Amino acid sequence: MKCNYKQNFAYNLRLLIGDMSVNEFSKQIGIPQQTLSRYLLCQREITLENLCKIADYFDEDIDVLIGRKN
């Protein structure tokens, strides 16, 4: 079974960000806007440090963010 973690993460991050702009979210979380945009476009692998920042910000399980758990 193949799982595309980048696509799952991008989809879930879009849902979590909701109506907030990527620029606004990047300022709140301390990750450059360009980096977040590349995550959302599946153009860049997320670092563990940034994955933890996002999981902590939304109080979400990392496995849920990357699509390993529902």
Foldseek 3Di string as FASTA:
>chain_A
DDADQLQLLLVLVCVVCDPPDLCRVCVVQVHDSVVNVCSNVSNDDDDPVVLVSVCVVSVHDSCNNRVVDD
